[in-house]
């Protein structure tokens, strides 16, 4: 789980530090993202439970910003 969180943080940071060219904008834009991580078996024993827990983790990540 720790490794997954570290990877998610590296991805989040890379996206936040990037600029994106968009045809509808005269200047590059920046983007942010929120990632939720859930691990088996701690957070659930089937796909539905894991997706639900990851969804809750995304929600928590969004409100922490």
PDB file of N, CA and C in Angstrom:
ATOM      1  N   UNK A   1       0.826  -1.190   0.000  1.00  0.00           N
ATOM      2  CA  UNK A   1       0.000   0.000   0.000  1.00  0.00           C
ATOM      3  C   UNK A   1       0.872   1.256   0.000  1.00  0.00           C
ATOM      4  N   UNK A   2       1.954   1.224   0.766  1.00  0.00           N
ATOM      5  CA  UNK A   2       2.847   2.380   0.824  1.00  0.00           C
ATOM      6  C   UNK A   2       3.411   2.695  -0.559  1.00  0.00           C
ATOM      7  N   UNK A   3       3.828   1.653  -1.288  1.00  0.00           N
ATOM      8  CA  UNK A   3       4.373   1.869  -2.633  1.00  0.00           C
ATOM      9  C   UNK A   3       3.332   2.476  -3.566  1.00  0.00           C
ATOM     10  N   UNK A   4       2.094   2.001  -3.473  1.00  0.00           N
ATOM     11  CA  UNK A   4       1.026   2.535  -4.325  1.00  0.00           C
ATOM     12  C   UNK A   4       0.798   4.010  -4.024  1.00  0.00           C
ATOM     13  N   UNK A   5       0.817   4.389  -2.766  1.00  0.00           N
ATOM     14  CA  UNK A   5       0.636   5.792  -2.397  1.00  0.00           C
ATOM     15  C   UNK A   5       1.801   6.644  -2.893  1.00  0.00           C
ATOM     16  N   UNK A   6       3.018   6.101  -2.828  1.00  0.00           N
ATOM     17  CA  UNK A   6       4.181   6.835  -3.315  1.00  0.00           C
ATOM     18  C   UNK A   6       4.103   7.042  -4.829  1.00  0.00           C
ATOM     19  N   UNK A   7       3.689   6.010  -5.548  1.00  0.00           N
ATOM     20  CA  UNK A   7       3.532   6.123  -7.000  1.00  0.00           C
ATOM     21  C   UNK A   7       2.456   7.142  -7.342  1.00  0.00           C
ATOM     22  N   UNK A   8       1.328   7.059  -6.637  1.00  0.00           N
ATOM     23  CA  UNK A   8       0.237   8.010  -6.874  1.00  0.00           C
ATOM     24  C   UNK A   8       0.710   9.439  -6.616  1.00  0.00           C
ATOM     25  N   UNK A   9       1.496   9.640  -5.585  1.00  0.00           N
ATOM     26  CA  UNK A   9       2.005  10.987  -5.278  1.00  0.00           C
ATOM     27  C   UNK A   9       2.964  11.467  -6.361  1.00  0.00           C
ATOM     28  N   UNK A  10       3.816  10.589  -6.880  1.00  0.00           N
ATOM     29  CA  UNK A  10       4.729  10.982  -7.960  1.00  0.00           C
ATOM     30  C   UNK A  10       3.940  11.385  -9.206  1.00  0.00           C
ATOM     31  N   UNK A  11       2.892  10.634  -9.519  1.00  0.00           N
ATOM     32  CA  UNK A  11       2.052  10.964 -10.676  1.00  0.00           C
ATOM     33  C   UNK A  11       1.357  12.302 -10.441  1.00  0.00           C
ATOM     34  N   UNK A  12       0.788  12.482  -9.252  1.00  0.00           N
ATOM     35  CA  UNK A  12       0.091  13.728  -8.926  1.00  0.00           C
ATOM     36  C   UNK A  12       1.026  14.921  -9.066  1.00  0.00           C
ATOM     37  N   UNK A  13       2.232  14.784  -8.536  1.00  0.00           N
ATOM     38  CA  UNK A  13       3.209  15.872  -8.588  1.00  0.00           C
ATOM     39  C   UNK A  13       3.631  16.156 -10.028  1.00  0.00           C
ATOM     40  N   UNK A  14       3.861  15.114 -10.819  1.00  0.00           N
ATOM     41  CA  UNK A  14       4.275  15.303 -12.220  1.00  0.00           C
ATOM     42  C   UNK A  14       3.208  16.040 -13.016  1.00  0.00           C
ATOM     43  N   UNK A  15       1.953  15.698 -12.794  1.00  0.00           N
ATOM     44  CA  UNK A  15       0.864  16.383 -13.500  1.00  0.00           C
ATOM     45  C   UNK A  15       0.788  17.837 -13.051  1.00  0.00           C
ATOM     46  N   UNK A  16       0.892  18.078 -11.757  1.00  0.00           N
ATOM     47  CA  UNK A  16       0.797  19.446 -11.228  1.00  0.00           C
ATOM     48  C   UNK A  16       1.927  20.336 -11.735  1.00  0.00           C
ATOM     49  N   UNK A  17       3.091  19.746 -12.000  1.00  0.00           N
ATOM     50  CA  UNK A  17       4.240  20.527 -12.458  1.00  0.00           C
ATOM     51  C   UNK A  17       4.261  20.714 -13.976  1.00  0.00           C
ATOM     52  N   UNK A  18       3.360  20.077 -14.688  1.00  0.00           N
ATOM     53  CA  UNK A  18       3.341  20.129 -16.148  1.00  0.00           C
ATOM     54  C   UNK A  18       2.421  21.234 -16.653  1.00  0.00           C
ATOM     55  N   UNK A  19       2.730  21.704 -17.851  1.00  0.00           N
ATOM     56  CA  UNK A  19       1.845  22.628 -18.555  1.00  0.00           C
ATOM     57  C   UNK A  19       1.339  21.923 -19.796  1.00  0.00           C
ATOM     58  N   UNK A  20       0.080  22.171 -20.153  1.00  0.00           N
ATOM     59  CA  UNK A  20      -0.555  21.501 -21.272  1.00  0.00           C
ATOM     60  C   UNK A  20      -1.049  22.527 -22.284  1.00  0.00           C
ATOM     61  N   UNK A  21      -0.694  22.296 -23.532  1.00  0.00           N
ATOM     62  CA  UNK A  21      -1.176  23.143 -24.615  1.00  0.00           C
ATOM     63  C   UNK A  21      -2.602  22.713 -24.969  1.00  0.00           C
ATOM     64  N   UNK A  22      -3.498  23.676 -25.014  1.00  0.00           N
ATOM     65  CA  UNK A  22      -4.895  23.417 -25.335  1.00  0.00           C
ATOM     66  C   UNK A  22      -5.303  24.370 -26.445  1.00  0.00           C
ATOM     67  N   UNK A  23      -5.938  23.840 -27.456  1.00  0.00           N
ATOM     68  CA  UNK A  23      -6.267  24.666 -28.623  1.00  0.00           C
ATOM     69  C   UNK A  23      -7.216  25.820 -28.291  1.00  0.00           C
ATOM     70  N   UNK A  24      -7.995  25.704 -27.240  1.00  0.00           N
ATOM     71  CA  UNK A  24      -8.955  26.752 -26.894  1.00  0.00           C
ATOM     72  C   UNK A  24      -8.389  27.794 -25.925  1.00  0.00           C
ATOM     73  N   UNK A  25      -7.108  27.662 -25.587  1.00  0.00           N
ATOM     74  CA  UNK A  25      -6.490  28.607 -24.658  1.00  0.00           C
ATOM     75  C   UNK A  25      -5.254  29.216 -25.299  1.00  0.00           C
ATOM     76  N   UNK A  26      -5.077  30.500 -25.094  1.00  0.00           N
ATOM     77  CA  UNK A  26      -3.912  31.173 -25.665  1.00  0.00           C
ATOM     78  C   UNK A  26      -2.636  30.881 -24.866  1.00  0.00           C
ATOM     79  N   UNK A  27      -2.806  30.384 -23.670  1.00  0.00           N
ATOM     80  CA  UNK A  27      -1.666  30.047 -22.819  1.00  0.00           C
ATOM     81  C   UNK A  27      -1.795  28.606 -22.347  1.00  0.00           C
ATOM     82  N   UNK A  28      -0.671  27.978 -22.021  1.00  0.00           N
ATOM     83  CA  UNK A  28      -0.740  26.606 -21.492  1.00  0.00           C
ATOM     84  C   UNK A  28      -1.537  26.583 -20.185  1.00  0.00           C
ATOM     85  N   UNK A  29      -2.170  25.463 -19.927  1.00  0.00           N
ATOM     86  CA  UNK A  29      -2.918  25.322 -18.677  1.00  0.00           C
ATOM     87  C   UNK A  29      -2.214  24.320 -17.773  1.00  0.00           C
ATOM     88  N   UNK A  30      -2.547  24.385 -16.516  1.00  0.00           N
ATOM     89  CA  UNK A  30      -2.053  23.422 -15.531  1.00  0.00           C
ATOM     90  C   UNK A  30      -3.246  22.602 -15.061  1.00  0.00           C
ATOM     91  N   UNK A  31      -2.964  21.401 -14.621  1.00  0.00           N
ATOM     92  CA  UNK A  31      -4.026  20.516 -14.136  1.00  0.00           C
ATOM     93  C   UNK A  31      -3.601  19.913 -12.807  1.00  0.00           C
ATOM     94  N   UNK A  32      -4.570  19.534 -12.033  1.00  0.00           N
ATOM     95  CA  UNK A  32      -4.310  18.788 -10.805  1.00  0.00           C
ATOM     96  C   UNK A  32      -5.141  17.520 -10.856  1.00  0.00           C
ATOM     97  N   UNK A  33      -4.780  16.566 -10.040  1.00  0.00           N
ATOM     98  CA  UNK A  33      -5.586  15.364  -9.945  1.00  0.00           C
ATOM     99  C   UNK A  33      -5.561  14.842  -8.529  1.00  0.00           C
ATOM    100  N   UNK A  34      -6.566  14.085  -8.214  1.00  0.00           N
ATOM    101  CA  UNK A  34      -6.679  13.432  -6.914  1.00  0.00           C
ATOM    102  C   UNK A  34      -6.722  11.937  -7.166  1.00  0.00           C
ATOM    103  N   UNK A  35      -6.014  11.195  -6.328  1.00  0.00           N
ATOM    104  CA  UNK A  35      -5.912   9.754  -6.500  1.00  0.00           C
ATOM    105  C   UNK A  35      -6.351   9.067  -5.215  1.00  0.00           C
ATOM    106  N   UNK A  36      -7.118   8.007  -5.359  1.00  0.00           N
ATOM    107  CA  UNK A  36      -7.517   7.189  -4.217  1.00  0.00           C
ATOM    108  C   UNK A  36      -6.897   5.818  -4.347  1.00  0.00           C
ATOM    109  N   UNK A  37      -6.341   5.324  -3.253  1.00  0.00           N
ATOM    110  CA  UNK A  37      -5.695   4.020  -3.253  1.00  0.00           C
ATOM    111  C   UNK A  37      -6.414   3.119  -2.256  1.00  0.00           C
ATOM    112  N   UNK A  38      -6.691   1.899  -2.676  1.00  0.00           N
ATOM    113  CA  UNK A  38      -7.262   0.883  -1.795  1.00  0.00           C
ATOM    114  C   UNK A  38      -6.493  -0.409  -2.025  1.00  0.00           C
ATOM    115  N   UNK A  39      -6.279  -1.157  -0.966  1.00  0.00           N
ATOM    116  CA  UNK A  39      -5.500  -2.382  -1.082  1.00  0.00           C
ATOM    117  C   UNK A  39      -6.217  -3.596  -0.535  1.00  0.00           C
ATOM    118  N   UNK A  40      -5.968  -4.691  -1.186  1.00  0.00           N
ATOM    119  CA  UNK A  40      -6.514  -5.991  -0.772  1.00  0.00           C
ATOM    120  C   UNK A  40      -5.550  -6.617   0.215  1.00  0.00           C
ATOM    121  N   UNK A  41      -5.974  -7.209   1.276  1.00  0.00           N
ATOM    122  CA  UNK A  41      -7.340  -7.400   1.763  1.00  0.00           C
ATOM    123  C   UNK A  41      -7.761  -6.356   2.784  1.00  0.00           C
ATOM    124  N   UNK A  42      -6.848  -5.427   3.114  1.00  0.00           N
ATOM    125  CA  UNK A  42      -7.156  -4.457   4.179  1.00  0.00           C
ATOM    126  C   UNK A  42      -8.419  -3.662   3.906  1.00  0.00           C
ATOM    127  N   UNK A  43      -8.599  -3.215   2.659  1.00  0.00           N
ATOM    128  CA  UNK A  43      -9.720  -2.332   2.341  1.00  0.00           C
ATOM    129  C   UNK A  43     -10.922  -3.038   1.739  1.00  0.00           C
ATOM    130  N   UNK A  44     -10.789  -4.301   1.422  1.00  0.00           N
ATOM    131  CA  UNK A  44     -11.920  -5.025   0.846  1.00  0.00           C
ATOM    132  C   UNK A  44     -11.494  -6.369   0.313  1.00  0.00           C
ATOM    133  N   UNK A  45     -12.482  -7.232   0.179  1.00  0.00           N
ATOM    134  CA  UNK A  45     -12.202  -8.593  -0.280  1.00  0.00           C
ATOM    135  C   UNK A  45     -12.740  -8.875  -1.667  1.00  0.00           C
ATOM    136  N   UNK A  46     -13.353  -7.882  -2.295  1.00  0.00           N
ATOM    137  CA  UNK A  46     -13.783  -8.068  -3.682  1.00  0.00           C
ATOM    138  C   UNK A  46     -13.674  -6.728  -4.408  1.00  0.00           C
ATOM    139  N   UNK A  47     -13.824  -6.786  -5.717  1.00  0.00           N
ATOM    140  CA  UNK A  47     -13.627  -5.589  -6.540  1.00  0.00           C
ATOM    141  C   UNK A  47     -14.548  -4.447  -6.136  1.00  0.00           C
ATOM    142  N   UNK A  48     -15.804  -4.754  -5.837  1.00  0.00           N
ATOM    143  CA  UNK A  48     -16.749  -3.691  -5.460  1.00  0.00           C
ATOM    144  C   UNK A  48     -16.318  -2.972  -4.195  1.00  0.00           C
ATOM    145  N   UNK A  49     -15.888  -3.721  -3.193  1.00  0.00           N
ATOM    146  CA  UNK A  49     -15.424  -3.105  -1.946  1.00  0.00           C
ATOM    147  C   UNK A  49     -14.184  -2.244  -2.191  1.00  0.00           C
ATOM    148  N   UNK A  50     -13.257  -2.764  -3.001  1.00  0.00           N
ATOM    149  CA  UNK A  50     -12.027  -2.029  -3.261  1.00  0.00           C
ATOM    150  C   UNK A  50     -12.294  -0.747  -4.043  1.00  0.00           C
ATOM    151  N   UNK A  51     -13.164  -0.819  -5.025  1.00  0.00           N
ATOM    152  CA  UNK A  51     -13.505   0.385  -5.793  1.00  0.00           C
ATOM    153  C   UNK A  51     -14.192   1.406  -4.884  1.00  0.00           C
ATOM    154  N   UNK A  52     -15.076   0.942  -4.029  1.00  0.00           N
ATOM    155  CA  UNK A  52     -15.770   1.834  -3.096  1.00  0.00           C
ATOM    156  C   UNK A  52     -14.765   2.527  -2.169  1.00  0.00           C
ATOM    157  N   UNK A  53     -13.830   1.765  -1.618  1.00  0.00           N
ATOM    158  CA  UNK A  53     -12.840   2.351  -0.711  1.00  0.00           C
ATOM    159  C   UNK A  53     -11.908   3.315  -1.459  1.00  0.00           C
ATOM    160  N   UNK A  54     -11.540   2.981  -2.687  1.00  0.00           N
ATOM    161  CA  UNK A  54     -10.711   3.894  -3.481  1.00  0.00           C
ATOM    162  C   UNK A  54     -11.478   5.174  -3.781  1.00  0.00           C
ATOM    163  N   UNK A  55     -12.763   5.048  -4.059  1.00  0.00           N
ATOM    164  CA  UNK A  55     -13.605   6.222  -4.316  1.00  0.00           C
ATOM    165  C   UNK A  55     -13.661   7.117  -3.079  1.00  0.00           C
ATOM    166  N   UNK A  56     -13.817   6.520  -1.911  1.00  0.00           N
ATOM    167  CA  UNK A  56     -13.811   7.305  -0.668  1.00  0.00           C
ATOM    168  C   UNK A  56     -12.463   7.992  -0.469  1.00  0.00           C
ATOM    169  N   UNK A  57     -11.386   7.301  -0.812  1.00  0.00           N
ATOM    170  CA  UNK A  57     -10.052   7.890  -0.679  1.00  0.00           C
ATOM    171  C   UNK A  57      -9.881   9.076  -1.625  1.00  0.00           C
ATOM    172  N   UNK A  58     -10.439   8.991  -2.828  1.00  0.00           N
ATOM    173  CA  UNK A  58     -10.389  10.120  -3.767  1.00  0.00           C
ATOM    174  C   UNK A  58     -11.148  11.306  -3.179  1.00  0.00           C
ATOM    175  N   UNK A  59     -12.311  11.044  -2.627  1.00  0.00           N
ATOM    176  CA  UNK A  59     -13.096  12.121  -2.023  1.00  0.00           C
ATOM    177  C   UNK A  59     -12.301  12.799  -0.902  1.00  0.00           C
ATOM    178  N   UNK A  60     -11.664  11.989  -0.034  1.00  0.00           N
ATOM    179  CA  UNK A  60     -10.855  12.559   1.053  1.00  0.00           C
ATOM    180  C   UNK A  60      -9.704  13.398   0.486  1.00  0.00           C
ATOM    181  N   UNK A  61      -9.080  12.908  -0.579  1.00  0.00           N
ATOM    182  CA  UNK A  61      -7.979  13.648  -1.199  1.00  0.00           C
ATOM    183  C   UNK A  61      -8.457  14.990  -1.734  1.00  0.00           C
ATOM    184  N   UNK A  62      -9.640  15.012  -2.326  1.00  0.00           N
ATOM    185  CA  UNK A  62     -10.161  16.252  -2.901  1.00  0.00           C
ATOM    186  C   UNK A  62     -10.460  17.290  -1.816  1.00  0.00           C
ATOM    187  N   UNK A  63     -10.979  16.872  -0.682  1.00  0.00           N
ATOM    188  CA  UNK A  63     -11.330  17.847   0.350  1.00  0.00           C
ATOM    189  C   UNK A  63     -10.120  18.297   1.156  1.00  0.00           C
ATOM    190  N   UNK A  64      -9.004  17.591   1.044  1.00  0.00           N
ATOM    191  CA  UNK A  64      -7.782  17.999   1.760  1.00  0.00           C
ATOM    192  C   UNK A  64      -7.051  19.122   1.056  1.00  0.00           C
ATOM    193  N   UNK A  65      -7.349  19.345  -0.209  1.00  0.00           N
ATOM    194  CA  UNK A  65      -6.610  20.360  -0.985  1.00  0.00           C
ATOM    195  C   UNK A  65      -7.010  21.737  -0.608  1.00  0.00           C
TER     196      UNK A  65
END
